[in-house]
Amino acid sequence: MTADRAHLAPPEVACRSVAKTFFGAGGPIEAVDPTSLTFRAGETTALVGPSGCGKSTLLRLIAGLEVPTSGEVLADGLPSKEIRRRAGLAIGFQDSSLLPWRTVRGNIALALKLARMPEDPPAVDRLIALVGLSGFEDRRPAELSGGMRQRAAIARCLVTRPGLLLLDEPFGAVDELTRRRLAEDLPRLWEANGTTTIFVTHSVTEAILIADRVIVLSPRPAKVLAEIDVTLDRPRSGKMTGTEPFRDLIVEVSAALVDGEAQGGVPIAAQ
């Protein structure tokens, strides 16, 4: 383990008037309006909003995979790419992007090697079991279903115990039963490490089940409509979804989404 990696604590992430416009033959497309947000260190935040609103673009800006048209993104005062260079940032997208010639175990273990961290077969095997892939350790991606590949990708993200974890629809490719189980079990891993986690989801229930805070984004170009704290006790389980406090949060988040659509994306606070 490098000295940088050993001392990299979960960072606070600050978006300072960050905006993104894509320029193409058809003219400019504004994906993210100037947005200022702070993601507190160790907090789990969900980004929700209508399809195509710019959620994934905002996540890519935070990851340093897109260059903002204006503004900046800093993680503890450093550019995100610097956090990524130190292997303190892990990113999981809808496409699992597993190496086809490596087994499940090999794909997960590769993350440790790339992060210049020691081999840790027990940790790899624990994560394989947690994501429900026991018995498939030596299978290659072509032998797995889409949902199984996505579970392997999630395990690969978590094995390095990153300080900053970014997930784009992490459970989108798995069946509903597995999705619910992962939503209950996986957050306990990054919470135990104090990881700063930001994830995109289309599921309001999933957002409330996992997050400490839900950020509701407007239709494109994305702007913040509401920030809703989730103060439900942890650990959380699917049984909580039928309780009154949980239902109240669903109503609050859903109302913000509906208001955003009705107002054409104008932030609620501006009305």
Protein backbone atom coordinates (compact mmCIF):
# COMPACT_ATOMS: atom_id res chain seq x y z
CA MET A 1 0.00 0.00 0.00
CA THR A 2 1.36 3.41 -0.88
CA ALA A 3 1.77 6.11 1.74
CA ASP A 4 -0.74 8.27 -0.13
CA ARG A 5 -3.31 5.50 -0.11
CA ALA A 6 -2.74 4.69 3.57
CA HIS A 7 -3.53 8.23 4.65
CA LEU A 8 -6.42 8.96 2.30
CA ALA A 9 -9.47 9.60 4.46
CA PRO A 10 -13.03 9.72 3.08
CA PRO A 11 -13.19 13.17 1.49
CA GLU A 12 -15.74 15.94 1.45
CA VAL A 13 -16.70 16.65 -2.16
CA ALA A 14 -17.57 20.19 -3.21
CA CYS A 15 -19.19 21.14 -6.53
CA ARG A 16 -18.64 24.86 -6.98
CA SER A 17 -20.92 26.34 -9.66
CA VAL A 18 -20.10 23.33 -11.81
CA ALA A 19 -21.83 23.22 -15.22
CA LYS A 20 -21.55 21.10 -18.33
CA THR A 21 -22.52 21.84 -21.94
CA PHE A 22 -21.87 19.38 -24.75
CA PHE A 23 -21.15 20.85 -28.17
CA GLY A 24 -22.05 18.92 -31.31
CA ALA A 25 -23.16 19.30 -34.91
CA GLY A 26 -26.73 19.83 -33.76
CA GLY A 27 -25.78 22.67 -31.46
CA PRO A 28 -25.00 22.91 -27.74
CA ILE A 29 -26.75 20.65 -25.23
CA GLU A 30 -26.83 21.93 -21.67
CA ALA A 31 -26.58 18.89 -19.41
CA VAL A 32 -25.90 20.48 -16.00
CA ASP A 33 -26.77 24.04 -14.99
CA PRO A 34 -24.34 25.83 -12.65
CA THR A 35 -24.68 23.71 -9.52
CA SER A 36 -23.17 24.08 -6.08
CA LEU A 37 -23.38 21.07 -3.77
CA THR A 38 -21.39 19.69 -0.87
CA PHE A 39 -21.24 15.96 -0.21
CA ARG A 40 -20.17 15.55 3.39
CA ALA A 41 -17.35 13.17 4.25
CA GLY A 42 -18.65 9.71 5.12
CA GLU A 43 -22.18 10.47 3.95
CA THR A 44 -24.15 8.40 1.45
CA THR A 45 -26.02 10.58 -1.04
CA ALA A 46 -28.52 9.52 -3.71
CA LEU A 47 -29.05 11.51 -6.90
CA VAL A 48 -32.54 11.05 -8.33
CA GLY A 49 -34.29 12.71 -11.24
CA PRO A 50 -36.04 12.00 -14.54
CA SER A 51 -34.28 10.00 -17.26
CA GLY A 52 -31.79 12.07 -19.21
CA CYS A 53 -31.73 14.89 -16.68
CA GLY A 54 -27.95 14.89 -16.23
CA LYS A 55 -27.51 12.68 -13.15
CA SER A 56 -24.84 10.52 -14.77
CA THR A 57 -23.10 13.57 -16.23
CA LEU A 58 -22.90 15.12 -12.76
CA LEU A 59 -21.45 11.86 -11.42
CA ARG A 60 -18.84 11.82 -14.22
CA LEU A 61 -17.93 15.43 -13.42
CA ILE A 62 -17.37 14.44 -9.79
CA ALA A 63 -15.26 11.49 -10.94
CA GLY A 64 -13.12 13.72 -13.13
CA LEU A 65 -14.15 11.80 -16.23
CA GLU A 66 -15.78 14.90 -17.73
CA VAL A 67 -14.30 18.40 -17.72
CA PRO A 68 -16.79 21.03 -16.52
CA THR A 69 -17.64 23.84 -18.91
CA SER A 70 -17.44 26.14 -15.90
CA GLY A 71 -16.93 25.77 -12.18
CA GLU A 72 -14.92 23.08 -10.41
CA VAL A 73 -15.21 19.89 -8.39
CA LEU A 74 -12.89 19.37 -5.44
CA ALA A 75 -12.46 16.46 -3.04
CA ASP A 76 -10.91 17.76 0.17
CA GLY A 77 -9.56 20.64 -1.90
CA LEU A 78 -8.01 18.35 -4.52
CA PRO A 79 -9.19 17.62 -8.08
CA SER A 80 -11.05 14.30 -8.28
CA LYS A 81 -8.46 12.94 -10.71
CA GLU A 82 -5.86 13.31 -7.95
CA ILE A 83 -8.00 11.24 -5.59
CA ARG A 84 -8.40 8.67 -8.38
CA ARG A 85 -4.63 8.63 -8.96
CA ARG A 86 -4.13 7.68 -5.33
CA ALA A 87 -6.64 4.81 -5.76
CA GLY A 88 -8.92 6.43 -3.23
CA LEU A 89 -11.80 6.66 -5.70
CA ALA A 90 -13.82 3.75 -7.09
CA ILE A 91 -16.40 4.09 -9.86
CA GLY A 92 -19.12 1.65 -10.86
CA PHE A 93 -21.27 2.23 -13.93
CA GLN A 94 -24.23 0.41 -15.47
CA ASP A 95 -21.83 -1.39 -17.81
CA SER A 96 -19.88 -3.85 -15.65
CA SER A 97 -16.74 -3.53 -17.87
CA LEU A 98 -15.25 -6.78 -16.60
CA LEU A 99 -12.19 -8.08 -18.43
CA PRO A 100 -13.49 -11.04 -20.47
CA TRP A 101 -10.35 -13.17 -20.07
CA ARG A 102 -10.33 -12.93 -16.27
CA THR A 103 -12.46 -14.91 -13.87
CA VAL A 104 -14.75 -13.30 -11.30
CA ARG A 105 -12.05 -13.68 -8.68
CA GLY A 106 -9.41 -12.36 -11.07
CA ASN A 107 -11.44 -9.27 -12.01
CA ILE A 108 -12.00 -8.36 -8.39
CA ALA A 109 -8.40 -9.03 -7.36
CA LEU A 110 -7.15 -6.89 -10.26
CA ALA A 111 -8.56 -3.80 -8.54
CA LEU A 112 -6.17 -4.37 -5.64
CA LYS A 113 -3.23 -4.75 -8.01
CA LEU A 114 -4.07 -1.57 -9.92
CA ALA A 115 -4.38 0.28 -6.61
CA ARG A 116 -0.94 -1.01 -5.63
CA MET A 117 -2.44 -2.73 -2.61
CA PRO A 118 -1.45 -6.16 -1.25
CA GLU A 119 -3.25 -9.26 -2.45
CA ASP A 120 -6.10 -10.17 -0.11
CA PRO A 121 -7.79 -13.43 -1.18
CA PRO A 122 -9.98 -13.63 1.96
CA ALA A 123 -11.39 -10.15 1.32
CA VAL A 124 -12.06 -11.04 -2.33
CA ASP A 125 -13.86 -14.23 -1.31
CA ARG A 126 -15.92 -12.43 1.35
CA LEU A 127 -17.16 -9.94 -1.23
CA ILE A 128 -17.91 -12.71 -3.73
CA ALA A 129 -20.07 -14.39 -1.09
CA LEU A 130 -21.75 -11.11 -0.12
CA VAL A 131 -22.85 -10.32 -3.67
CA GLY A 132 -24.15 -13.87 -4.10
CA LEU A 133 -21.54 -15.26 -6.49
CA SER A 134 -20.20 -18.14 -4.40
CA GLY A 135 -19.61 -21.05 -6.75
CA PHE A 136 -18.90 -18.73 -9.68
CA GLU A 137 -15.47 -17.55 -8.56
CA ASP A 138 -13.69 -19.19 -11.48
CA ARG A 139 -16.23 -18.31 -14.18
CA ARG A 140 -15.49 -15.73 -16.86
CA PRO A 141 -17.92 -12.89 -17.67
CA ALA A 142 -19.28 -14.65 -20.78
CA GLU A 143 -20.52 -17.45 -18.50
CA LEU A 144 -22.48 -15.07 -16.27
CA SER A 145 -25.82 -13.31 -16.63
CA GLY A 146 -25.91 -9.52 -16.87
CA GLY A 147 -26.96 -9.24 -13.24
CA MET A 148 -24.14 -11.51 -12.09
CA ARG A 149 -21.60 -9.46 -14.01
CA GLN A 150 -22.92 -6.32 -12.34
CA ARG A 151 -22.60 -7.90 -8.91
CA ALA A 152 -18.99 -8.80 -9.67
CA ALA A 153 -18.37 -5.19 -10.73
CA ILE A 154 -19.79 -3.92 -7.43
CA ALA A 155 -17.48 -6.26 -5.51
CA ARG A 156 -14.55 -4.96 -7.57
CA CYS A 157 -15.41 -1.39 -6.53
CA LEU A 158 -15.56 -2.26 -2.85
CA VAL A 159 -12.47 -4.46 -2.50
CA THR A 160 -10.05 -1.50 -2.35
CA ARG A 161 -12.07 0.12 0.45
CA PRO A 162 -12.15 3.47 -1.38
CA GLY A 163 -12.51 6.79 0.38
CA LEU A 164 -14.86 8.00 -2.36
CA LEU A 165 -17.31 5.62 -4.06
CA LEU A 166 -19.37 6.68 -7.10
CA LEU A 167 -22.08 4.36 -8.41
CA ASP A 168 -24.34 4.85 -11.43
CA GLU A 169 -27.48 2.68 -11.18
CA PRO A 170 -25.44 -0.01 -9.39
CA PHE A 171 -28.34 -2.47 -9.11
CA GLY A 172 -30.05 -1.68 -12.40
CA ALA A 173 -29.15 -4.98 -14.08
CA VAL A 174 -30.16 -7.35 -11.28
CA ASP A 175 -33.51 -8.91 -10.48
CA GLU A 176 -35.76 -7.24 -7.92
CA LEU A 177 -35.12 -9.75 -5.12
CA THR A 178 -31.33 -9.51 -5.51
CA ARG A 179 -31.57 -5.74 -5.88
CA ARG A 180 -33.37 -5.44 -2.55
CA ARG A 181 -30.86 -7.72 -0.82
CA LEU A 182 -27.86 -5.81 -2.18
CA ALA A 183 -29.47 -2.50 -1.19
CA GLU A 184 -29.66 -3.81 2.37
CA ASP A 185 -26.27 -5.53 2.61
CA LEU A 186 -23.75 -3.53 0.61
CA PRO A 187 -24.15 -0.14 2.34
CA ARG A 188 -22.99 -1.74 5.56
CA LEU A 189 -19.60 -2.29 3.93
CA TRP A 190 -18.96 1.28 2.87
CA GLU A 191 -20.57 2.67 6.02
CA ALA A 192 -18.17 0.60 8.14
CA ASN A 193 -15.28 2.22 6.26
CA GLY A 194 -16.80 5.70 6.52
CA THR A 195 -16.74 5.95 2.73
CA THR A 196 -18.16 9.04 1.04
CA THR A 197 -20.66 7.47 -1.37
CA ILE A 198 -22.64 9.12 -4.18
CA PHE A 199 -24.97 7.01 -6.26
CA VAL A 200 -27.47 7.54 -9.05
CA THR A 201 -30.77 5.69 -9.00
CA HIS A 202 -34.19 5.87 -10.62
CA SER A 203 -35.75 4.14 -7.61
CA VAL A 204 -37.07 6.43 -4.89
CA THR A 205 -37.44 3.46 -2.55
CA GLU A 206 -33.83 2.42 -3.15
CA ALA A 207 -32.62 5.97 -2.55
CA ILE A 208 -34.36 6.16 0.82
CA LEU A 209 -33.29 2.66 1.83
CA ILE A 210 -29.61 3.39 1.20
CA ALA A 211 -28.94 7.13 1.51
CA ASP A 212 -28.40 9.62 4.30
CA ARG A 213 -29.57 12.35 1.93
CA VAL A 214 -31.48 12.43 -1.36
CA ILE A 215 -30.72 15.12 -3.95
CA VAL A 216 -33.63 15.62 -6.36
CA LEU A 217 -32.58 16.97 -9.76
CA SER A 218 -34.72 18.75 -12.34
CA PRO A 219 -35.24 17.79 -15.97
CA ARG A 220 -32.27 18.69 -18.16
CA PRO A 221 -30.28 20.77 -17.64
CA ALA A 222 -29.89 19.35 -14.16
CA LYS A 223 -30.28 21.69 -11.24
CA VAL A 224 -31.05 20.95 -7.61
CA LEU A 225 -34.76 20.94 -6.80
CA ALA A 226 -34.59 19.59 -3.25
CA GLU A 227 -32.21 18.14 -0.67
CA ILE A 228 -33.99 15.71 1.63
CA ASP A 229 -32.33 14.24 4.72
CA VAL A 230 -33.08 10.59 5.50
CA THR A 231 -32.87 10.17 9.26
CA LEU A 232 -34.24 6.63 9.49
CA ASP A 233 -32.41 4.32 11.87
CA ARG A 234 -29.74 1.97 10.56
CA PRO A 235 -29.35 -0.80 9.65
CA ARG A 236 -32.27 -0.54 7.22
CA SER A 237 -34.18 -3.39 5.69
CA GLY A 238 -36.96 -3.89 3.19
CA LYS A 239 -39.37 -4.26 6.11
CA MET A 240 -39.05 -0.53 6.72
CA THR A 241 -40.63 0.35 3.36
CA GLY A 242 -44.11 -0.23 4.78
CA THR A 243 -43.66 2.07 7.77
CA GLU A 244 -45.19 5.53 7.96
CA PRO A 245 -41.86 7.43 8.18
CA PHE A 246 -40.60 5.62 5.08
CA ARG A 247 -43.81 6.29 3.17
CA ASP A 248 -43.66 9.96 4.17
CA LEU A 249 -40.18 10.22 2.64
CA ILE A 250 -41.36 8.55 -0.56
CA VAL A 251 -44.14 11.13 -0.80
CA GLU A 252 -41.70 14.01 -0.18
CA VAL A 253 -39.17 12.86 -2.80
CA SER A 254 -41.88 11.98 -5.32
CA ALA A 255 -43.56 15.36 -4.84
CA ALA A 256 -40.28 17.14 -5.57
CA LEU A 257 -39.89 15.13 -8.77
CA VAL A 258 -43.44 15.86 -9.89
CA ASP A 259 -43.12 19.57 -9.05
CA GLY A 260 -39.90 19.74 -11.05
CA GLU A 261 -41.59 18.29 -14.10
CA ALA A 262 -44.61 20.59 -13.72
CA GLN A 263 -42.44 23.69 -13.30
CA GLY A 264 -40.27 22.88 -16.29
CA GLY A 265 -37.19 22.37 -14.21
CA VAL A 266 -37.34 25.64 -12.23
CA PRO A 267 -36.00 24.99 -8.71
CA ILE A 268 -38.70 24.76 -6.07
CA ALA A 269 -36.93 27.32 -3.89
CA ALA A 270 -37.28 29.90 -6.66
CA GLN A 271 -41.08 29.68 -6.79
